[in-house]
Amino acid sequence: MRTIFGRVAGYDSLIDYLRDNSCTRVLNNITLPTMLVNAEDDPIVPEDLCSCAHDFVKNHENSLFVLTKHGGHLGFFEGNLLYPEPVTWIDKMVVQYCDAVVDLKLTKSG
């Protein structure tokens, strides 16, 4: 890891890189309603690294942590490398989430 992070990003170790680039440093600064999404089969961020997301939603009432069975990483791309789908899985999920929020708001006000 020293070779990759030292040459490319200027870090001496993976731990130094993660310390400086992890969302955990700034997550608690978020004040807007937030939806955090991860997949059980994410090869980069396995579920056991999601403790900061769990802690965040416990302490922020306008937040939600969604853990899907499948999805992978990086916006849940669909299709293949040469011809990816223009609308990704995460795009669809955000629209469904917004629709549900609007429906809930309308139900409560009606």
PDB file of N, CA and C in Angstrom:
ATOM      1  N   MET A   1       0.812  -1.192   0.000  1.00  0.00           N
ATOM      2  CA  MET A   1       0.000   0.000   0.000  1.00  0.00           C
ATOM      3  C   MET A   1       0.860   1.261   0.000  1.00  0.00           C
ATOM      4  N   ARG A   2       2.005   1.210   0.611  1.00  0.00           N
ATOM      5  CA  ARG A   2       2.880   2.377   0.644  1.00  0.00           C
ATOM      6  C   ARG A   2       3.201   2.843  -0.768  1.00  0.00           C
ATOM      7  N   THR A   3       3.428   1.908  -1.676  1.00  0.00           N
ATOM      8  CA  THR A   3       3.762   2.262  -3.052  1.00  0.00           C
ATOM      9  C   THR A   3       2.607   3.006  -3.724  1.00  0.00           C
ATOM     10  N   ILE A   4       1.409   2.476  -3.631  1.00  0.00           N
ATOM     11  CA  ILE A   4       0.256   3.100  -4.285  1.00  0.00           C
ATOM     12  C   ILE A   4      -0.032   4.465  -3.686  1.00  0.00           C
ATOM     13  N   PHE A   5      -0.219   4.515  -2.387  1.00  0.00           N
ATOM     14  CA  PHE A   5      -0.631   5.766  -1.755  1.00  0.00           C
ATOM     15  C   PHE A   5       0.519   6.756  -1.627  1.00  0.00           C
ATOM     16  N   GLY A   6       1.718   6.254  -1.486  1.00  0.00           N
ATOM     17  CA  GLY A   6       2.872   7.155  -1.398  1.00  0.00           C
ATOM     18  C   GLY A   6       3.143   7.892  -2.692  1.00  0.00           C
ATOM     19  N   ARG A   7       3.131   7.172  -3.787  1.00  0.00           N
ATOM     20  CA  ARG A   7       3.423   7.796  -5.083  1.00  0.00           C
ATOM     21  C   ARG A   7       2.260   8.597  -5.633  1.00  0.00           C
ATOM     22  N   VAL A   8       1.081   8.022  -5.588  1.00  0.00           N
ATOM     23  CA  VAL A   8      -0.067   8.653  -6.231  1.00  0.00           C
ATOM     24  C   VAL A   8      -0.695   9.741  -5.360  1.00  0.00           C
ATOM     25  N   ALA A   9      -0.943   9.432  -4.109  1.00  0.00           N
ATOM     26  CA  ALA A   9      -1.680  10.359  -3.258  1.00  0.00           C
ATOM     27  C   ALA A   9      -0.826  11.031  -2.181  1.00  0.00           C
ATOM     28  N   GLY A  10       0.410  10.617  -2.048  1.00  0.00           N
ATOM     29  CA  GLY A  10       1.286  11.257  -1.085  1.00  0.00           C
ATOM     30  C   GLY A  10       1.125  10.788   0.349  1.00  0.00           C
ATOM     31  N   TYR A  11       0.588   9.584   0.549  1.00  0.00           N
ATOM     32  CA  TYR A  11       0.399   9.054   1.894  1.00  0.00           C
ATOM     33  C   TYR A  11       1.399   7.941   2.173  1.00  0.00           C
ATOM     34  N   ASP A  12       1.789   7.835   3.432  1.00  0.00           N
ATOM     35  CA  ASP A  12       2.729   6.796   3.833  1.00  0.00           C
ATOM     36  C   ASP A  12       2.064   5.442   4.037  1.00  0.00           C
ATOM     37  N   SER A  13       0.760   5.453   4.322  1.00  0.00           N
ATOM     38  CA  SER A  13       0.072   4.184   4.573  1.00  0.00           C
ATOM     39  C   SER A  13      -1.405   4.312   4.236  1.00  0.00           C
ATOM     40  N   LEU A  14      -2.058   3.167   4.148  1.00  0.00           N
ATOM     41  CA  LEU A  14      -3.496   3.139   3.925  1.00  0.00           C
ATOM     42  C   LEU A  14      -4.226   3.777   5.103  1.00  0.00           C
ATOM     43  N   ILE A  15      -3.745   3.553   6.305  1.00  0.00           N
ATOM     44  CA  ILE A  15      -4.363   4.137   7.506  1.00  0.00           C
ATOM     45  C   ILE A  15      -4.338   5.662   7.422  1.00  0.00           C
ATOM     46  N   ASP A  16      -3.210   6.244   7.008  1.00  0.00           N
ATOM     47  CA  ASP A  16      -3.118   7.703   6.863  1.00  0.00           C
ATOM     48  C   ASP A  16      -4.103   8.199   5.807  1.00  0.00           C
ATOM     49  N   TYR A  17      -4.196   7.488   4.694  1.00  0.00           N
ATOM     50  CA  TYR A  17      -5.122   7.861   3.628  1.00  0.00           C
ATOM     51  C   TYR A  17      -6.565   7.834   4.131  1.00  0.00           C
ATOM     52  N   LEU A  18      -6.957   6.746   4.781  1.00  0.00           N
ATOM     53  CA  LEU A  18      -8.318   6.620   5.275  1.00  0.00           C
ATOM     54  C   LEU A  18      -8.635   7.660   6.344  1.00  0.00           C
ATOM     55  N   ARG A  19      -7.683   7.955   7.199  1.00  0.00           N
ATOM     56  CA  ARG A  19      -7.888   8.970   8.233  1.00  0.00           C
ATOM     57  C   ARG A  19      -8.228  10.320   7.603  1.00  0.00           C
ATOM     58  N   ASP A  20      -7.521  10.687   6.555  1.00  0.00           N
ATOM     59  CA  ASP A  20      -7.716  11.989   5.925  1.00  0.00           C
ATOM     60  C   ASP A  20      -8.892  12.032   4.958  1.00  0.00           C
ATOM     61  N   ASN A  21      -9.338  10.892   4.452  1.00  0.00           N
ATOM     62  CA  ASN A  21     -10.359  10.885   3.407  1.00  0.00           C
ATOM     63  C   ASN A  21     -11.668  10.220   3.800  1.00  0.00           C
ATOM     64  N   SER A  22     -11.781   9.776   5.004  1.00  0.00           N
ATOM     65  CA  SER A  22     -12.999   9.124   5.462  1.00  0.00           C
ATOM     66  C   SER A  22     -14.086  10.156   5.760  1.00  0.00           C
ATOM     67  N   CYS A  23     -15.317   9.782   5.505  1.00  0.00           N
ATOM     68  CA  CYS A  23     -16.446  10.662   5.807  1.00  0.00           C
ATOM     69  C   CYS A  23     -16.645  10.832   7.309  1.00  0.00           C
ATOM     70  N   THR A  24     -16.050   9.978   8.114  1.00  0.00           N
ATOM     71  CA  THR A  24     -16.253  10.062   9.560  1.00  0.00           C
ATOM     72  C   THR A  24     -15.781  11.390  10.147  1.00  0.00           C
ATOM     73  N   ARG A  25     -14.871  12.053   9.467  1.00  0.00           N
ATOM     74  CA  ARG A  25     -14.384  13.354   9.962  1.00  0.00           C
ATOM     75  C   ARG A  25     -15.443  14.438   9.841  1.00  0.00           C
ATOM     76  N   VAL A  26     -16.346  14.317   8.884  1.00  0.00           N
ATOM     77  CA  VAL A  26     -17.303  15.398   8.616  1.00  0.00           C
ATOM     78  C   VAL A  26     -18.767  14.962   8.695  1.00  0.00           C
ATOM     79  N   LEU A  27     -19.017  13.701   8.892  1.00  0.00           N
ATOM     80  CA  LEU A  27     -20.385  13.189   8.868  1.00  0.00           C
ATOM     81  C   LEU A  27     -21.295  13.924   9.840  1.00  0.00           C
ATOM     82  N   ASN A  28     -20.831  14.182  11.040  1.00  0.00           N
ATOM     83  CA  ASN A  28     -21.678  14.846  12.036  1.00  0.00           C
ATOM     84  C   ASN A  28     -21.916  16.318  11.752  1.00  0.00           C
ATOM     85  N   ASN A  29     -21.290  16.873  10.730  1.00  0.00           N
ATOM     86  CA  ASN A  29     -21.553  18.260  10.333  1.00  0.00           C
ATOM     87  C   ASN A  29     -22.784  18.370   9.433  1.00  0.00           C
ATOM     88  N   ILE A  30     -23.314  17.243   8.980  1.00  0.00           N
ATOM     89  CA  ILE A  30     -24.478  17.254   8.100  1.00  0.00           C
ATOM     90  C   ILE A  30     -25.716  17.602   8.918  1.00  0.00           C
ATOM     91  N   THR A  31     -26.461  18.602   8.437  1.00  0.00           N
ATOM     92  CA  THR A  31     -27.683  19.010   9.138  1.00  0.00           C
ATOM     93  C   THR A  31     -28.944  18.800   8.302  1.00  0.00           C
ATOM     94  N   LEU A  32     -28.790  18.512   7.025  1.00  0.00           N
ATOM     95  CA  LEU A  32     -29.936  18.283   6.145  1.00  0.00           C
ATOM     96  C   LEU A  32     -30.426  16.844   6.280  1.00  0.00           C
ATOM     97  N   PRO A  33     -31.696  16.570   5.949  1.00  0.00           N
ATOM     98  CA  PRO A  33     -32.144  15.171   5.910  1.00  0.00           C
ATOM     99  C   PRO A  33     -31.234  14.373   4.981  1.00  0.00           C
ATOM    100  N   THR A  34     -30.845  13.202   5.426  1.00  0.00           N
ATOM    101  CA  THR A  34     -29.818  12.439   4.725  1.00  0.00           C
ATOM    102  C   THR A  34     -30.200  10.975   4.621  1.00  0.00           C
ATOM    103  N   MET A  35     -29.956  10.397   3.435  1.00  0.00           N
ATOM    104  CA  MET A  35     -30.122   8.968   3.240  1.00  0.00           C
ATOM    105  C   MET A  35     -28.750   8.382   2.891  1.00  0.00           C
ATOM    106  N   LEU A  36     -28.265   7.484   3.709  1.00  0.00           N
ATOM    107  CA  LEU A  36     -26.996   6.791   3.479  1.00  0.00           C
ATOM    108  C   LEU A  36     -27.326   5.407   2.919  1.00  0.00           C
ATOM    109  N   VAL A  37     -26.661   5.023   1.837  1.00  0.00           N
ATOM    110  CA  VAL A  37     -26.970   3.767   1.156  1.00  0.00           C
ATOM    111  C   VAL A  37     -25.709   2.923   1.008  1.00  0.00           C
ATOM    112  N   ASN A  38     -25.842   1.635   1.295  1.00  0.00           N
ATOM    113  CA  ASN A  38     -24.761   0.691   1.054  1.00  0.00           C
ATOM    114  C   ASN A  38     -25.388  -0.648   0.685  1.00  0.00           C
ATOM    115  N   ALA A  39     -24.591  -1.505   0.070  1.00  0.00           N
ATOM    116  CA  ALA A  39     -25.061  -2.838  -0.312  1.00  0.00           C
ATOM    117  C   ALA A  39     -24.263  -3.897   0.438  1.00  0.00           C
ATOM    118  N   GLU A  40     -24.931  -4.974   0.791  1.00  0.00           N
ATOM    119  CA  GLU A  40     -24.250  -6.067   1.485  1.00  0.00           C
ATOM    120  C   GLU A  40     -23.115  -6.648   0.657  1.00  0.00           C
ATOM    121  N   ASP A  41     -23.242  -6.598  -0.669  1.00  0.00           N
ATOM    122  CA  ASP A  41     -22.189  -7.160  -1.511  1.00  0.00           C
ATOM    123  C   ASP A  41     -21.201  -6.105  -2.030  1.00  0.00           C
ATOM    124  N   ASP A  42     -21.134  -4.962  -1.371  1.00  0.00           N
ATOM    125  CA  ASP A  42     -20.172  -3.920  -1.744  1.00  0.00           C
ATOM    126  C   ASP A  42     -18.762  -4.431  -1.456  1.00  0.00           C
ATOM    127  N   PRO A  43     -17.928  -4.545  -2.476  1.00  0.00           N
ATOM    128  CA  PRO A  43     -16.582  -5.078  -2.264  1.00  0.00           C
ATOM    129  C   PRO A  43     -15.624  -4.074  -1.626  1.00  0.00           C
ATOM    130  N   ILE A  44     -15.973  -2.811  -1.627  1.00  0.00           N
ATOM    131  CA  ILE A  44     -15.094  -1.770  -1.090  1.00  0.00           C
ATOM    132  C   ILE A  44     -15.455  -1.411   0.348  1.00  0.00           C
ATOM    133  N   VAL A  45     -16.750  -1.323   0.636  1.00  0.00           N
ATOM    134  CA  VAL A  45     -17.220  -0.953   1.971  1.00  0.00           C
ATOM    135  C   VAL A  45     -18.118  -2.064   2.508  1.00  0.00           C
ATOM    136  N   PRO A  46     -17.521  -3.048   3.174  1.00  0.00           N
ATOM    137  CA  PRO A  46     -18.333  -4.133   3.733  1.00  0.00           C
ATOM    138  C   PRO A  46     -19.190  -3.617   4.900  1.00  0.00           C
ATOM    139  N   GLU A  47     -20.219  -4.352   5.221  1.00  0.00           N
ATOM    140  CA  GLU A  47     -21.179  -3.913   6.236  1.00  0.00           C
ATOM    141  C   GLU A  47     -20.530  -3.589   7.578  1.00  0.00           C
ATOM    142  N   ASP A  48     -19.484  -4.329   7.962  1.00  0.00           N
ATOM    143  CA  ASP A  48     -18.868  -4.059   9.266  1.00  0.00           C
ATOM    144  C   ASP A  48     -18.170  -2.697   9.329  1.00  0.00           C
ATOM    145  N   LEU A  49     -17.980  -2.039   8.182  1.00  0.00           N
ATOM    146  CA  LEU A  49     -17.426  -0.688   8.180  1.00  0.00           C
ATOM    147  C   LEU A  49     -18.514   0.390   8.209  1.00  0.00           C
ATOM    148  N   CYS A  50     -19.758  -0.028   8.315  1.00  0.00           N
ATOM    149  CA  CYS A  50     -20.882   0.913   8.288  1.00  0.00           C
ATOM    150  C   CYS A  50     -21.316   1.356   9.683  1.00  0.00           C
ATOM    151  N   SER A  51     -20.512   1.091  10.691  1.00  0.00           N
ATOM    152  CA  SER A  51     -20.899   1.478  12.050  1.00  0.00           C
ATOM    153  C   SER A  51     -21.075   2.991  12.172  1.00  0.00           C
ATOM    154  N   CYS A  52     -20.288   3.768  11.430  1.00  0.00           N
ATOM    155  CA  CYS A  52     -20.450   5.225  11.495  1.00  0.00           C
ATOM    156  C   CYS A  52     -21.798   5.639  10.914  1.00  0.00           C
ATOM    157  N   ALA A  53     -22.292   4.928   9.909  1.00  0.00           N
ATOM    158  CA  ALA A  53     -23.610   5.222   9.350  1.00  0.00           C
ATOM    159  C   ALA A  53     -24.703   4.886  10.357  1.00  0.00           C
ATOM    160  N   HIS A  54     -24.568   3.748  11.020  1.00  0.00           N
ATOM    161  CA  HIS A  54     -25.541   3.367  12.051  1.00  0.00           C
ATOM    162  C   HIS A  54     -25.560   4.394  13.175  1.00  0.00           C
ATOM    163  N   ASP A  55     -24.385   4.810  13.620  1.00  0.00           N
ATOM    164  CA  ASP A  55     -24.293   5.813  14.685  1.00  0.00           C
ATOM    165  C   ASP A  55     -24.912   7.136  14.239  1.00  0.00           C
ATOM    166  N   PHE A  56     -24.664   7.514  12.995  1.00  0.00           N
ATOM    167  CA  PHE A  56     -25.203   8.777  12.479  1.00  0.00           C
ATOM    168  C   PHE A  56     -26.730   8.781  12.533  1.00  0.00           C
ATOM    169  N   VAL A  57     -27.384   7.723  12.037  1.00  0.00           N
ATOM    170  CA  VAL A  57     -28.849   7.714  12.015  1.00  0.00           C
ATOM    171  C   VAL A  57     -29.449   7.632  13.421  1.00  0.00           C
ATOM    172  N   LYS A  58     -28.727   7.055  14.358  1.00  0.00           N
ATOM    173  CA  LYS A  58     -29.212   7.026  15.741  1.00  0.00           C
ATOM    174  C   LYS A  58     -29.256   8.425  16.338  1.00  0.00           C
ATOM    175  N   ASN A  59     -28.345   9.284  15.896  1.00  0.00           N
ATOM    176  CA  ASN A  59     -28.215  10.626  16.476  1.00  0.00           C
ATOM    177  C   ASN A  59     -28.790  11.745  15.620  1.00  0.00           C
ATOM    178  N   HIS A  60     -29.348  11.418  14.460  1.00  0.00           N
ATOM    179  CA  HIS A  60     -29.914  12.423  13.562  1.00  0.00           C
ATOM    180  C   HIS A  60     -31.287  11.936  13.104  1.00  0.00           C
ATOM    181  N   GLU A  61     -32.334  12.541  13.652  1.00  0.00           N
ATOM    182  CA  GLU A  61     -33.686  12.031  13.414  1.00  0.00           C
ATOM    183  C   GLU A  61     -34.140  12.127  11.959  1.00  0.00           C
ATOM    184  N   ASN A  62     -33.585  13.022  11.180  1.00  0.00           N
ATOM    185  CA  ASN A  62     -33.964  13.157   9.772  1.00  0.00           C
ATOM    186  C   ASN A  62     -32.997  12.419   8.861  1.00  0.00           C
ATOM    187  N   SER A  63     -32.571  11.245   9.302  1.00  0.00           N
ATOM    188  CA  SER A  63     -31.627  10.464   8.500  1.00  0.00           C
ATOM    189  C   SER A  63     -32.104   9.018   8.415  1.00  0.00           C
ATOM    190  N   LEU A  64     -31.570   8.347   7.401  1.00  0.00           N
ATOM    191  CA  LEU A  64     -31.976   6.974   7.118  1.00  0.00           C
ATOM    192  C   LEU A  64     -30.769   6.229   6.569  1.00  0.00           C
ATOM    193  N   PHE A  65     -30.555   5.021   7.060  1.00  0.00           N
ATOM    194  CA  PHE A  65     -29.514   4.163   6.517  1.00  0.00           C
ATOM    195  C   PHE A  65     -30.181   2.998   5.819  1.00  0.00           C
ATOM    196  N   VAL A  66     -29.902   2.824   4.529  1.00  0.00           N
ATOM    197  CA  VAL A  66     -30.492   1.758   3.724  1.00  0.00           C
ATOM    198  C   VAL A  66     -29.390   0.775   3.348  1.00  0.00           C
ATOM    199  N   LEU A  67     -29.588  -0.476   3.703  1.00  0.00           N
ATOM    200  CA  LEU A  67     -28.641  -1.533   3.344  1.00  0.00           C
ATOM    201  C   LEU A  67     -29.366  -2.508   2.432  1.00  0.00           C
ATOM    202  N   THR A  68     -28.962  -2.542   1.167  1.00  0.00           N
ATOM    203  CA  THR A  68     -29.590  -3.435   0.201  1.00  0.00           C
ATOM    204  C   THR A  68     -28.817  -4.756   0.129  1.00  0.00           C
ATOM    205  N   LYS A  69     -29.459  -5.792  -0.327  1.00  0.00           N
ATOM    206  CA  LYS A  69     -28.780  -7.088  -0.486  1.00  0.00           C
ATOM    207  C   LYS A  69     -27.716  -7.023  -1.567  1.00  0.00           C
ATOM    208  N   HIS A  70     -28.048  -6.385  -2.688  1.00  0.00           N
ATOM    209  CA  HIS A  70     -27.141  -6.323  -3.828  1.00  0.00           C
ATOM    210  C   HIS A  70     -26.996  -4.884  -4.299  1.00  0.00           C
ATOM    211  N   GLY A  71     -25.911  -4.620  -4.976  1.00  0.00           N
ATOM    212  CA  GLY A  71     -25.728  -3.294  -5.527  1.00  0.00           C
ATOM    213  C   GLY A  71     -24.294  -2.968  -5.855  1.00  0.00           C
ATOM    214  N   GLY A  72     -23.365  -3.584  -5.152  1.00  0.00           N
ATOM    215  CA  GLY A  72     -21.968  -3.303  -5.459  1.00  0.00           C
ATOM    216  C   GLY A  72     -21.496  -1.992  -4.870  1.00  0.00           C
ATOM    217  N   HIS A  73     -20.870  -1.157  -5.707  1.00  0.00           N
ATOM    218  CA  HIS A  73     -20.240   0.070  -5.228  1.00  0.00           C
ATOM    219  C   HIS A  73     -20.366   1.165  -6.294  1.00  0.00           C
ATOM    220  N   LEU A  74     -20.140   2.384  -5.906  1.00  0.00           N
ATOM    221  CA  LEU A  74     -20.090   3.543  -6.817  1.00  0.00           C
ATOM    222  C   LEU A  74     -21.390   3.805  -7.564  1.00  0.00           C
ATOM    223  N   GLY A  75     -22.457   3.997  -6.832  1.00  0.00           N
ATOM    224  CA  GLY A  75     -23.707   4.387  -7.462  1.00  0.00           C
ATOM    225  C   GLY A  75     -24.467   3.260  -8.113  1.00  0.00           C
ATOM    226  N   PHE A  76     -24.055   2.020  -7.897  1.00  0.00           N
ATOM    227  CA  PHE A  76     -24.808   0.877  -8.371  1.00  0.00           C
ATOM    228  C   PHE A  76     -25.015   0.935  -9.883  1.00  0.00           C
ATOM    229  N   PHE A  77     -23.920   1.032 -10.602  1.00  0.00           N
ATOM    230  CA  PHE A  77     -23.986   1.086 -12.062  1.00  0.00           C
ATOM    231  C   PHE A  77     -24.644  -0.169 -12.617  1.00  0.00           C
ATOM    232  N   GLU A  78     -25.379   0.015 -13.703  1.00  0.00           N
ATOM    233  CA  GLU A  78     -26.037  -1.090 -14.376  1.00  0.00           C
ATOM    234  C   GLU A  78     -25.537  -1.153 -15.809  1.00  0.00           C
ATOM    235  N   GLY A  79     -25.678  -2.295 -16.426  1.00  0.00           N
ATOM    236  CA  GLY A  79     -25.203  -2.472 -17.790  1.00  0.00           C
ATOM    237  C   GLY A  79     -23.784  -3.005 -17.761  1.00  0.00           C
ATOM    238  N   ASN A  80     -22.989  -2.597 -18.755  1.00  0.00           N
ATOM    239  CA  ASN A  80     -21.602  -3.049 -18.786  1.00  0.00           C
ATOM    240  C   ASN A  80     -20.674  -1.860 -18.998  1.00  0.00           C
ATOM    241  N   LEU A  81     -19.389  -2.114 -19.047  1.00  0.00           N
ATOM    242  CA  LEU A  81     -18.417  -1.025 -19.154  1.00  0.00           C
ATOM    243  C   LEU A  81     -18.544  -0.223 -20.446  1.00  0.00           C
ATOM    244  N   LEU A  82     -18.840  -0.888 -21.534  1.00  0.00           N
ATOM    245  CA  LEU A  82     -18.931  -0.189 -22.813  1.00  0.00           C
ATOM    246  C   LEU A  82     -20.258   0.540 -22.985  1.00  0.00           C
ATOM    247  N   TYR A  83     -21.328  -0.043 -22.470  1.00  0.00           N
ATOM    248  CA  TYR A  83     -22.657   0.537 -22.635  1.00  0.00           C
ATOM    249  C   TYR A  83     -23.416   0.546 -21.307  1.00  0.00           C
ATOM    250  N   PRO A  84     -22.989   1.388 -20.367  1.00  0.00           N
ATOM    251  CA  PRO A  84     -23.716   1.430 -19.093  1.00  0.00           C
ATOM    252  C   PRO A  84     -25.092   2.070 -19.285  1.00  0.00           C
ATOM    253  N   GLU A  85     -26.012   1.675 -18.440  1.00  0.00           N
ATOM    254  CA  GLU A  85     -27.342   2.284 -18.471  1.00  0.00           C
ATOM    255  C   GLU A  85     -27.204   3.745 -18.045  1.00  0.00           C
ATOM    256  N   PRO A  86     -27.882   4.676 -18.733  1.00  0.00           N
ATOM    257  CA  PRO A  86     -27.747   6.089 -18.382  1.00  0.00           C
ATOM    258  C   PRO A  86     -28.368   6.436 -17.027  1.00  0.00           C
ATOM    259  N   VAL A  87     -29.386   5.675 -16.622  1.00  0.00           N
ATOM    260  CA  VAL A  87     -30.002   5.888 -15.316  1.00  0.00           C
ATOM    261  C   VAL A  87     -29.584   4.726 -14.426  1.00  0.00           C
ATOM    262  N   THR A  88     -28.864   5.033 -13.356  1.00  0.00           N
ATOM    263  CA  THR A  88     -28.334   3.987 -12.478  1.00  0.00           C
ATOM    264  C   THR A  88     -29.363   3.581 -11.427  1.00  0.00           C
ATOM    265  N   TRP A  89     -29.034   2.518 -10.715  1.00  0.00           N
ATOM    266  CA  TRP A  89     -29.874   2.023  -9.637  1.00  0.00           C
ATOM    267  C   TRP A  89     -30.060   3.108  -8.588  1.00  0.00           C
ATOM    268  N   ILE A  90     -29.019   3.831  -8.257  1.00  0.00           N
ATOM    269  CA  ILE A  90     -29.117   4.857  -7.213  1.00  0.00           C
ATOM    270  C   ILE A  90     -30.008   6.007  -7.672  1.00  0.00           C
ATOM    271  N   ASP A  91     -29.974   6.339  -8.966  1.00  0.00           N
ATOM    272  CA  ASP A  91     -30.879   7.371  -9.491  1.00  0.00           C
ATOM    273  C   ASP A  91     -32.329   6.973  -9.237  1.00  0.00           C
ATOM    274  N   LYS A  92     -32.647   5.723  -9.546  1.00  0.00           N
ATOM    275  CA  LYS A  92     -34.012   5.224  -9.358  1.00  0.00           C
ATOM    276  C   LYS A  92     -34.395   5.223  -7.879  1.00  0.00           C
ATOM    277  N   MET A  93     -33.455   4.851  -7.023  1.00  0.00           N
ATOM    278  CA  MET A  93     -33.735   4.803  -5.594  1.00  0.00           C
ATOM    279  C   MET A  93     -34.009   6.200  -5.041  1.00  0.00           C
ATOM    280  N   VAL A  94     -33.242   7.173  -5.463  1.00  0.00           N
ATOM    281  CA  VAL A  94     -33.440   8.541  -4.985  1.00  0.00           C
ATOM    282  C   VAL A  94     -34.825   9.051  -5.402  1.00  0.00           C
ATOM    283  N   VAL A  95     -35.236   8.766  -6.623  1.00  0.00           N
ATOM    284  CA  VAL A  95     -36.564   9.185  -7.087  1.00  0.00           C
ATOM    285  C   VAL A  95     -37.650   8.498  -6.247  1.00  0.00           C
ATOM    286  N   GLN A  96     -37.507   7.202  -5.995  1.00  0.00           N
ATOM    287  CA  GLN A  96     -38.488   6.488  -5.175  1.00  0.00           C
ATOM    288  C   GLN A  96     -38.540   7.055  -3.762  1.00  0.00           C
ATOM    289  N   TYR A  97     -37.387   7.380  -3.205  1.00  0.00           N
ATOM    290  CA  TYR A  97     -37.316   7.959  -1.862  1.00  0.00           C
ATOM    291  C   TYR A  97     -38.032   9.310  -1.833  1.00  0.00           C
ATOM    292  N   CYS A  98     -37.749  10.153  -2.815  1.00  0.00           N
ATOM    293  CA  CYS A  98     -38.388  11.475  -2.867  1.00  0.00           C
ATOM    294  C   CYS A  98     -39.893  11.347  -3.045  1.00  0.00           C
ATOM    295  N   ASP A  99     -40.330  10.422  -3.883  1.00  0.00           N
ATOM    296  CA  ASP A  99     -41.765  10.175  -4.046  1.00  0.00           C
ATOM    297  C   ASP A  99     -42.403   9.769  -2.721  1.00  0.00           C
ATOM    298  N   ALA A 100     -41.729   8.902  -1.973  1.00  0.00           N
ATOM    299  CA  ALA A 100     -42.263   8.442  -0.689  1.00  0.00           C
ATOM    300  C   ALA A 100     -42.341   9.593   0.308  1.00  0.00           C
ATOM    301  N   VAL A 101     -41.352  10.464   0.328  1.00  0.00           N
ATOM    302  CA  VAL A 101     -41.359  11.622   1.231  1.00  0.00           C
ATOM    303  C   VAL A 101     -42.521  12.548   0.878  1.00  0.00           C
ATOM    304  N   VAL A 102     -42.713  12.818  -0.411  1.00  0.00           N
ATOM    305  CA  VAL A 102     -43.815  13.672  -0.848  1.00  0.00           C
ATOM    306  C   VAL A 102     -45.161  13.032  -0.494  1.00  0.00           C
ATOM    307  N   ASP A 103     -45.306  11.737  -0.747  1.00  0.00           N
ATOM    308  CA  ASP A 103     -46.550  11.040  -0.412  1.00  0.00           C
ATOM    309  C   ASP A 103     -46.830  11.113   1.095  1.00  0.00           C
ATOM    310  N   LEU A 104     -45.806  10.929   1.906  1.00  0.00           N
ATOM    311  CA  LEU A 104     -45.956  11.004   3.356  1.00  0.00           C
ATOM    312  C   LEU A 104     -46.385  12.409   3.779  1.00  0.00           C
ATOM    313  N   LYS A 105     -45.764  13.400   3.198  1.00  0.00           N
ATOM    314  CA  LYS A 105     -46.097  14.791   3.514  1.00  0.00           C
ATOM    315  C   LYS A 105     -47.543  15.091   3.132  1.00  0.00           C
ATOM    316  N   LEU A 106     -47.966  14.631   1.950  1.00  0.00           N
ATOM    317  CA  LEU A 106     -49.335  14.855   1.501  1.00  0.00           C
ATOM    318  C   LEU A 106     -50.345  14.125   2.403  1.00  0.00           C
ATOM    319  N   THR A 107     -49.996  12.919   2.820  1.00  0.00           N
ATOM    320  CA  THR A 107     -50.865  12.138   3.687  1.00  0.00           C
ATOM    321  C   THR A 107     -51.042  12.842   5.034  1.00  0.00           C
ATOM    322  N   LYS A 108     -49.959  13.358   5.578  1.00  0.00           N
ATOM    323  CA  LYS A 108     -50.017  14.028   6.882  1.00  0.00           C
ATOM    324  C   LYS A 108     -50.772  15.341   6.806  1.00  0.00           C
ATOM    325  N   SER A 109     -50.688  16.047   5.673  1.00  0.00           N
ATOM    326  CA  SER A 109     -51.339  17.347   5.548  1.00  0.00           C
ATOM    327  C   SER A 109     -52.784  17.228   5.080  1.00  0.00           C
ATOM    328  N   GLY A 110     -53.164  16.073   4.521  1.00  0.00           N
ATOM    329  CA  GLY A 110     -54.500  15.905   3.953  1.00  0.00           C
ATOM    330  C   GLY A 110     -55.433  15.319   4.910  1.00  0.00           C
TER     331      GLY A 110
END
